[in-house]
N, C-alpha and C. Protein backbone atom coordinates (compact mmCIF):
# COMPACT_ATOMS: atom_id res chain seq x y z
N UNK A 1 -4.07 6.43 0.34
CA UNK A 1 -4.50 5.30 0.86
C UNK A 1 -5.10 5.08 0.78
N UNK A 2 -5.64 6.63 1.58
CA UNK A 2 -7.38 6.60 1.91
C UNK A 2 -8.20 7.12 0.72
N UNK A 3 -7.76 7.50 0.43
CA UNK A 3 -8.32 7.83 -1.60
C UNK A 3 -9.11 7.46 -2.59
N UNK A 4 -8.06 6.11 -2.41
CA UNK A 4 -8.66 4.75 -3.25
C UNK A 4 -10.18 4.25 -2.28
N UNK A 5 -10.13 4.60 -1.02
CA UNK A 5 -11.73 4.56 -0.14
C UNK A 5 -12.84 5.03 -0.36
N UNK A 6 -12.48 6.90 -0.96
CA UNK A 6 -13.27 7.91 -0.72
C UNK A 6 -13.72 7.48 -2.73
N UNK A 7 -13.36 6.51 -3.32
CA UNK A 7 -14.23 7.25 -4.87
C UNK A 7 -15.11 6.11 -5.46
N UNK A 8 -15.09 4.60 -4.06
CA UNK A 8 -16.07 3.68 -4.06
C UNK A 8 -17.13 4.54 -2.87
N UNK A 9 -16.73 4.67 -2.43
CA UNK A 9 -18.33 5.15 -1.66
C UNK A 9 -18.62 6.34 -1.66
N UNK A 10 -17.56 7.38 -2.48
CA UNK A 10 -18.66 8.76 -2.99
C UNK A 10 -19.62 7.96 -4.72
N UNK A 11 -18.88 7.28 -5.15
CA UNK A 11 -19.83 6.29 -6.69
C UNK A 11 -21.07 5.25 -5.92
N UNK A 12 -21.15 4.61 -3.83
CA UNK A 12 -21.90 3.61 -4.42
C UNK A 12 -23.20 4.61 -3.20
N UNK A 13 -22.68 5.84 -2.97
CA UNK A 13 -23.57 7.21 -1.58
C UNK A 13 -24.72 7.09 -3.28
N UNK A 14 -23.69 7.42 -4.14
CA UNK A 14 -24.87 7.65 -5.00
C UNK A 14 -26.05 7.38 -5.63
N UNK A 15 -25.41 5.98 -5.99
CA UNK A 15 -25.92 5.33 -6.29
C UNK A 15 -26.75 5.40 -6.04
N UNK A 16 -27.11 4.50 -4.40
CA UNK A 16 -28.15 3.65 -3.25
C UNK A 16 -29.06 5.29 -3.41
N UNK A 17 -28.43 6.48 -3.36
CA UNK A 17 -29.65 7.88 -3.25
C UNK A 17 -30.04 7.96 -4.21
N UNK A 18 -29.83 8.11 -5.61
CA UNK A 18 -30.41 7.72 -6.47
C UNK A 18 -31.53 6.22 -6.95
N UNK A 19 -31.17 4.72 -6.28
CA UNK A 19 -31.77 4.31 -6.70
C UNK A 19 -33.35 4.11 -5.28
N UNK A 20 -32.65 5.10 -4.49
CA UNK A 20 -34.09 5.31 -3.70
C UNK A 20 -35.22 6.02 -3.73
N UNK A 21 -34.25 7.33 -4.97
CA UNK A 21 -34.74 8.93 -5.02
C UNK A 21 -36.19 8.12 -5.99
N UNK A 22 -35.17 7.11 -7.02
CA UNK A 22 -36.38 6.57 -7.85
C UNK A 22 -37.20 5.78 -7.23
N UNK A 23 -36.56 5.28 -6.87
CA UNK A 23 -38.14 3.59 -6.27
C UNK A 23 -39.04 4.47 -5.01
N UNK A 24 -39.12 5.31 -5.07
CA UNK A 24 -39.80 6.56 -4.00
C UNK A 24 -41.16 7.30 -4.39
N UNK A 25 -40.62 7.18 -6.26
CA UNK A 25 -40.44 8.43 -7.19
C UNK A 25 -41.31 6.93 -8.55
N UNK A 26 -41.83 6.06 -7.77
CA UNK A 26 -42.82 5.22 -8.70
C UNK A 26 -42.19 4.05 -9.98
N UNK A 27 -40.89 4.52 -10.32
CA UNK A 27 -39.51 4.39 -11.16
C UNK A 27 -38.88 2.82 -10.90
N UNK A 28 -39.82 2.25 -11.98
CA UNK A 28 -38.85 0.34 -11.53
C UNK A 28 -37.82 0.91 -11.62
N UNK A 29 -36.22 0.24 -10.87
CA UNK A 29 -35.00 0.53 -10.75
C UNK A 29 -34.32 -1.20 -10.67
N UNK A 30 -34.07 -1.49 -11.73
CA UNK A 30 -33.36 -3.14 -12.24
C UNK A 30 -32.21 -2.99 -11.27
N UNK A 31 -31.76 -3.76 -10.00
CA UNK A 31 -29.98 -3.15 -8.90
C UNK A 31 -29.13 -3.82 -10.37
N UNK A 32 -29.65 -4.91 -10.65
CA UNK A 32 -28.44 -4.79 -11.93
C UNK A 32 -27.54 -4.63 -12.39
N UNK A 33 -28.77 -3.54 -13.55
CA UNK A 33 -27.55 -3.02 -13.78
C UNK A 33 -27.51 -0.72 -13.29
N UNK A 34 -28.03 -0.76 -12.44
CA UNK A 34 -27.09 -0.85 -11.47
C UNK A 34 -25.50 -0.63 -10.76
N UNK A 35 -25.91 -1.88 -9.95
CA UNK A 35 -25.29 -2.00 -9.50
C UNK A 35 -23.53 -2.67 -10.92
N UNK A 36 -23.91 -2.97 -11.07
CA UNK A 36 -23.01 -3.05 -12.57
C UNK A 36 -23.00 -1.90 -13.17
N UNK A 37 -23.41 -0.72 -13.64
CA UNK A 37 -22.98 0.80 -13.77
C UNK A 37 -21.97 1.75 -12.36
N UNK A 38 -22.38 0.50 -11.53
CA UNK A 38 -21.35 1.27 -10.09
C UNK A 38 -20.38 0.79 -10.16
N UNK A 39 -20.36 -0.35 -9.86
CA UNK A 39 -19.03 -1.12 -10.31
C UNK A 39 -18.08 -0.84 -11.45
N UNK A 40 -18.72 -0.29 -11.99
CA UNK A 40 -17.71 0.04 -13.82
C UNK A 40 -17.08 1.08 -13.63
N UNK A 41 -18.16 2.29 -12.67
CA UNK A 41 -17.70 3.21 -12.15
C UNK A 41 -16.51 3.62 -11.49
N UNK A 42 -16.68 3.13 -10.54
CA UNK A 42 -15.02 3.09 -8.96
C UNK A 42 -14.14 2.15 -9.73
N UNK A 43 -14.86 0.99 -10.32
CA UNK A 43 -13.02 1.12 -10.30
C UNK A 43 -12.81 1.47 -12.07
N UNK A 44 -13.00 2.72 -12.88
CA UNK A 44 -12.53 3.39 -13.91
C UNK A 44 -11.98 4.32 -12.97
N UNK A 45 -12.28 5.17 -11.98
CA UNK A 45 -12.71 6.34 -10.97
C UNK A 45 -11.32 6.13 -10.40
N UNK A 46 -11.20 4.68 -9.60
CA UNK A 46 -9.71 3.94 -8.89
C UNK A 46 -8.46 3.53 -9.84
N UNK A 47 -9.17 4.14 -11.38
CA UNK A 47 -7.82 3.33 -12.83
C UNK A 47 -7.73 5.07 -12.07
N UNK A 48 -7.76 6.44 -12.52
CA UNK A 48 -7.63 7.23 -12.99
C UNK A 48 -7.15 7.45 -11.50
N UNK A 49 -7.50 6.84 -10.91
CA UNK A 49 -6.06 7.73 -8.78
C UNK A 49 -4.75 6.69 -9.35
N UNK A 50 -4.75 5.52 -10.32
CA UNK A 50 -3.53 5.34 -10.25
C UNK A 50 -1.79 5.63 -10.51
N UNK A 51 -1.98 6.58 -11.83
CA UNK A 51 -0.34 6.82 -12.23
C UNK A 51 -0.19 8.13 -11.21
N UNK A 52 -1.44 8.73 -10.81
CA UNK A 52 -0.88 9.96 -9.74
C UNK A 52 0.03 9.61 -8.68
N UNK A 53 -1.16 9.04 -7.54
CA UNK A 53 -0.43 7.58 -6.29
C UNK A 53 0.43 6.92 -7.05
N UNK A 54 1.10 6.27 -7.83
CA UNK A 54 2.10 5.99 -8.26
C UNK A 54 3.46 6.16 -8.69
N UNK A 55 3.13 7.67 -9.24
CA UNK A 55 4.34 8.41 -9.62
C UNK A 55 4.54 9.14 -8.55
N UNK A 56 4.44 9.59 -7.83
CA UNK A 56 4.76 10.59 -6.93
C UNK A 56 5.74 11.20 -7.48
N UNK A 57 5.49 11.70 -7.81
CA UNK A 57 6.07 14.06 -8.04
C UNK A 57 5.81 14.78 -7.68
N UNK A 58 6.90 15.76 -7.25
CA UNK A 58 7.16 16.83 -6.93
C UNK A 58 6.70 18.11 -6.94
N UNK A 59 7.42 17.10 -8.21
CA UNK A 59 6.77 19.12 -9.58
C UNK A 59 5.46 19.32 -9.48
N UNK A 60 4.71 20.24 -9.93
CA UNK A 60 4.13 21.08 -10.20
C UNK A 60 3.41 20.56 -11.14
N UNK A 61 4.29 20.34 -12.62
CA UNK A 61 4.24 19.66 -14.09
C UNK A 61 4.21 18.53 -14.07
N UNK A 62 5.33 17.53 -13.20
CA UNK A 62 5.00 15.94 -12.91
C UNK A 62 3.03 15.61 -12.63
N UNK A 63 2.96 16.97 -12.13
CA UNK A 63 1.60 16.16 -11.15
C UNK A 63 0.73 16.84 -12.28
N UNK A 64 0.20 17.59 -12.97
CA UNK A 64 -0.47 17.75 -13.93
C UNK A 64 -0.65 17.41 -14.87
N UNK A 65 1.05 16.22 -15.56
CA UNK A 65 1.53 15.25 -16.48
C UNK A 65 0.06 14.41 -16.32
N UNK A 66 0.06 14.11 -14.52
CA UNK A 66 0.03 12.70 -14.39
C UNK A 66 -1.56 12.99 -14.10
N UNK A 67 -2.21 14.16 -14.00
CA UNK A 67 -3.74 13.53 -13.63
C UNK A 67 -4.25 13.50 -14.86
N UNK A 68 -2.97 14.53 -16.13
CA UNK A 68 -4.13 14.13 -16.57
C UNK A 68 -4.34 12.51 -17.88
N UNK A 69 -3.18 12.24 -17.80
CA UNK A 69 -2.70 10.15 -17.53
C UNK A 69 -4.17 10.16 -17.22
N UNK A 70 -4.39 10.23 -15.69
CA UNK A 70 -5.45 9.88 -15.39
C UNK A 70 -6.99 9.62 -16.29
N UNK A 71 -6.98 10.99 -16.05
CA UNK A 71 -8.26 11.09 -16.84
C UNK A 71 -8.79 10.34 -18.07
N UNK A 72 -8.04 10.36 -19.16
CA UNK A 72 -8.36 9.75 -19.36
C UNK A 72 -7.69 8.31 -19.23
N UNK A 73 -6.97 7.59 -18.73
CA UNK A 73 -7.22 6.27 -18.53
C UNK A 73 -8.93 6.77 -17.41
N UNK A 74 -8.86 6.64 -16.68
CA UNK A 74 -10.43 7.07 -16.29
C UNK A 74 -11.33 6.24 -17.60
N UNK A 75 -11.27 7.70 -18.90
CA UNK A 75 -12.48 7.45 -19.64
C UNK A 75 -12.03 5.83 -20.42
N UNK A 76 -10.77 5.45 -20.70
CA UNK A 76 -10.30 4.61 -21.59
C UNK A 76 -10.99 3.23 -20.70
N UNK A 77 -10.73 3.59 -19.16
CA UNK A 77 -11.23 2.15 -18.46
C UNK A 77 -12.37 1.87 -18.24
N UNK A 78 -13.34 3.33 -18.61
CA UNK A 78 -15.11 3.16 -18.24
C UNK A 78 -15.75 2.62 -19.81
N UNK A 79 -15.22 2.76 -21.13
CA UNK A 79 -14.91 1.87 -21.96
C UNK A 79 -15.06 0.56 -22.28
N UNK A 80 -13.35 -0.06 -21.43
CA UNK A 80 -13.58 -0.84 -21.12
C UNK A 80 -14.05 -2.26 -20.84
N UNK A 81 -14.21 -1.21 -19.34
CA UNK A 81 -15.23 -2.62 -18.24
C UNK A 81 -16.93 -1.95 -18.38
N UNK A 82 -16.94 -1.15 -19.45
CA UNK A 82 -18.53 -1.46 -20.40
C UNK A 82 -18.51 -1.64 -21.40
N UNK A 83 -17.63 -2.09 -22.13
CA UNK A 83 -17.88 -3.02 -22.87
C UNK A 83 -17.55 -4.70 -22.65
N UNK A 84 -16.75 -4.84 -21.79
CA UNK A 84 -16.33 -5.76 -21.62
C UNK A 84 -17.47 -6.58 -20.54
N UNK A 85 -18.62 -6.07 -19.99
CA UNK A 85 -19.94 -6.06 -19.42
C UNK A 85 -20.51 -6.01 -20.34
N UNK A 86 -21.11 -5.87 -20.95
CA UNK A 86 -21.64 -6.30 -22.39
C UNK A 86 -21.20 -7.44 -22.46
N UNK A 87 -20.25 -7.62 -23.48
CA UNK A 87 -19.59 -8.07 -24.36
C UNK A 87 -20.02 -9.85 -23.57
N UNK A 88 -19.72 -10.11 -22.10
CA UNK A 88 -19.92 -11.17 -21.34
C UNK A 88 -21.57 -11.58 -20.59
N UNK A 89 -22.80 -10.33 -21.18
CA UNK A 89 -23.86 -10.21 -21.21
C UNK A 89 -24.14 -10.62 -20.06
N UNK A 90 -23.64 -9.90 -19.10
CA UNK A 90 -23.71 -9.26 -17.84
C UNK A 90 -24.38 -8.97 -17.61
N UNK A 91 -25.15 -7.45 -18.21
CA UNK A 91 -26.43 -6.84 -18.64
C UNK A 91 -26.42 -6.79 -20.04
N UNK A 92 -27.49 -6.09 -20.36
CA UNK A 92 -28.03 -5.29 -22.00
C UNK A 92 -27.01 -4.01 -21.64
N UNK A 93 -26.17 -3.68 -23.13
CA UNK A 93 -26.81 -1.95 -23.65
C UNK A 93 -27.93 -1.19 -24.10
N UNK A 94 -28.85 -1.13 -22.98
CA UNK A 94 -30.29 -1.09 -23.32
C UNK A 94 -29.82 0.21 -23.19
N UNK A 95 -31.25 0.96 -22.61
CA UNK A 95 -31.17 2.44 -21.82
C UNK A 95 -31.07 3.04 -20.23
N UNK A 96 -31.23 2.20 -19.79
CA UNK A 96 -31.54 2.48 -18.69
C UNK A 96 -29.52 1.65 -18.43
N UNK A 97 -29.54 0.72 -18.85
CA UNK A 97 -27.71 0.77 -17.84
C UNK A 97 -27.26 1.82 -18.24
N UNK A 98 -27.15 2.01 -19.95
CA UNK A 98 -26.70 4.00 -20.37
C UNK A 98 -26.92 5.08 -19.41
N UNK A 99 -27.84 5.63 -18.72
CA UNK A 99 -28.52 5.97 -18.78
C UNK A 99 -27.42 6.43 -16.65
N UNK A 100 -27.45 4.42 -16.22
CA UNK A 100 -26.80 4.42 -14.92
C UNK A 100 -25.43 4.50 -15.35
N UNK A 101 -25.11 3.99 -16.52
CA UNK A 101 -23.32 4.47 -16.93
C UNK A 101 -22.82 5.54 -16.62
N UNK A 102 -23.57 6.42 -17.50
CA UNK A 102 -23.48 8.17 -18.20
C UNK A 102 -23.41 9.14 -16.21
N UNK A 103 -24.28 8.53 -15.32
CA UNK A 103 -24.32 9.42 -14.45
C UNK A 103 -23.36 9.07 -13.18
N UNK A 104 -22.61 7.64 -13.52
CA UNK A 104 -22.03 6.50 -13.20
C UNK A 104 -20.25 7.26 -13.13
N UNK A 105 -20.11 7.02 -14.27
CA UNK A 105 -19.40 7.75 -15.08
C UNK A 105 -18.24 9.10 -14.85
N UNK A 106 -20.13 10.51 -14.59
CA UNK A 106 -19.58 12.08 -14.56
C UNK A 106 -19.87 11.85 -12.89
N UNK A 107 -20.22 11.40 -11.75
CA UNK A 107 -19.98 10.83 -10.43
C UNK A 107 -18.67 10.59 -9.82
N UNK A 108 -18.47 9.88 -10.89
CA UNK A 108 -16.70 9.01 -10.27
C UNK A 108 -15.78 10.43 -10.96
N UNK A 109 -15.84 10.72 -11.88
CA UNK A 109 -14.80 11.57 -13.16
C UNK A 109 -14.39 12.70 -12.46
N UNK A 110 -16.11 13.64 -11.14
CA UNK A 110 -16.04 14.78 -10.64
C UNK A 110 -14.96 14.28 -9.09
N UNK A 111 -15.64 13.55 -8.36
CA UNK A 111 -14.41 13.12 -7.18
C UNK A 111 -13.09 12.11 -7.59
N UNK A 112 -12.92 12.11 -9.31
CA UNK A 112 -11.49 11.92 -9.20
C UNK A 112 -10.62 13.29 -9.68
N UNK A 113 -11.48 14.54 -10.28
CA UNK A 113 -10.99 15.54 -10.63
C UNK A 113 -10.78 16.22 -8.81
N UNK A 114 -11.87 15.50 -8.32
CA UNK A 114 -11.16 16.86 -6.94
C UNK A 114 -10.46 16.57 -6.19
N UNK A 115 -10.42 14.58 -6.60
CA UNK A 115 -8.44 14.57 -5.79
C UNK A 115 -7.80 15.10 -6.04
N UNK A 116 -7.81 15.07 -7.65
CA UNK A 116 -6.63 15.77 -8.81
C UNK A 116 -6.19 17.05 -8.39
N UNK A 117 -7.45 17.72 -8.38
CA UNK A 117 -7.07 19.66 -8.23
C UNK A 117 -6.93 19.19 -6.55
N UNK A 118 -7.22 18.26 -5.66
CA UNK A 118 -6.05 18.44 -4.73
C UNK A 118 -4.56 18.26 -3.88
N UNK A 119 -4.54 17.14 -4.97
CA UNK A 119 -2.52 16.92 -5.27
C UNK A 119 -2.41 17.94 -5.40
N UNK A 120 -2.35 18.79 -7.01
CA UNK A 120 -1.86 19.89 -7.93
C UNK A 120 -1.51 21.10 -6.60
N UNK A 121 -2.28 21.08 -5.87
CA UNK A 121 -2.26 21.57 -4.83
C UNK A 121 -1.93 22.03 -4.11
N UNK A 122 -1.95 20.70 -3.48
CA UNK A 122 -0.64 20.50 -2.07
C UNK A 122 0.66 20.24 -2.70
N UNK A 123 1.02 20.17 -4.34
CA UNK A 123 2.44 19.80 -4.88
C UNK A 123 2.39 21.58 -5.17
N UNK A 124 1.09 22.33 -5.75
CA UNK A 124 2.39 23.53 -6.08
C UNK A 124 3.04 24.44 -5.26
N UNK A 125 2.05 23.92 -4.07
CA UNK A 125 2.42 25.77 -3.17
C UNK A 125 1.21 26.43 -2.21
N UNK A 126 0.23 26.44 -3.48
CA UNK A 126 -0.30 27.92 -4.07
C UNK A 126 -1.66 27.60 -3.17
N UNK A 127 -1.01 28.90 -2.06
CA UNK A 127 -1.99 28.85 -0.48
C UNK A 127 -3.85 28.96 -0.89
N UNK A 128 -4.45 28.93 0.23
CA UNK A 128 -5.78 29.43 -0.36
C UNK A 128 -5.80 30.81 0.00
N UNK A 129 -6.81 31.90 -0.27
CA UNK A 129 -6.61 33.06 -0.30
C UNK A 129 -8.02 32.80 0.52
N UNK A 130 -7.99 34.04 1.76
CA UNK A 130 -9.34 34.14 2.67
C UNK A 130 -9.95 35.22 2.17
N UNK A 131 -11.25 35.72 1.95
CA UNK A 131 -11.59 36.54 1.41
C UNK A 131 -12.75 37.28 2.98
N UNK A 132 -12.13 38.44 2.92
CA UNK A 132 -12.68 39.39 4.31
C UNK A 132 -13.41 39.87 4.07
């Protein structure tokens, strides 16, 4: 359950930091576009976590397959949510929104892969090798 809170937290932290840095540098930031892109990215990330959380696989091959399904769902969710937001005229499909969406997609994908990697390592029993 903790995993479901990490995704929105990481995405929100990234978007808040990026908006503050851009505002300090004098760039005009439309918060509506940033908020919408952040919501889409977090929603797609959570959608990508669903197979691995609901699957309850114990074998490494099953976990890897569910992780692959999760990354595909993440991509499809991001495209679907962005298309819906543009179709409902929540945001315009302009370059600033697409830039926010692109950055948010990568942040949520990296967070998703980090969690999926943790699950795969835990399931496969691969121990970390300590270097001296």
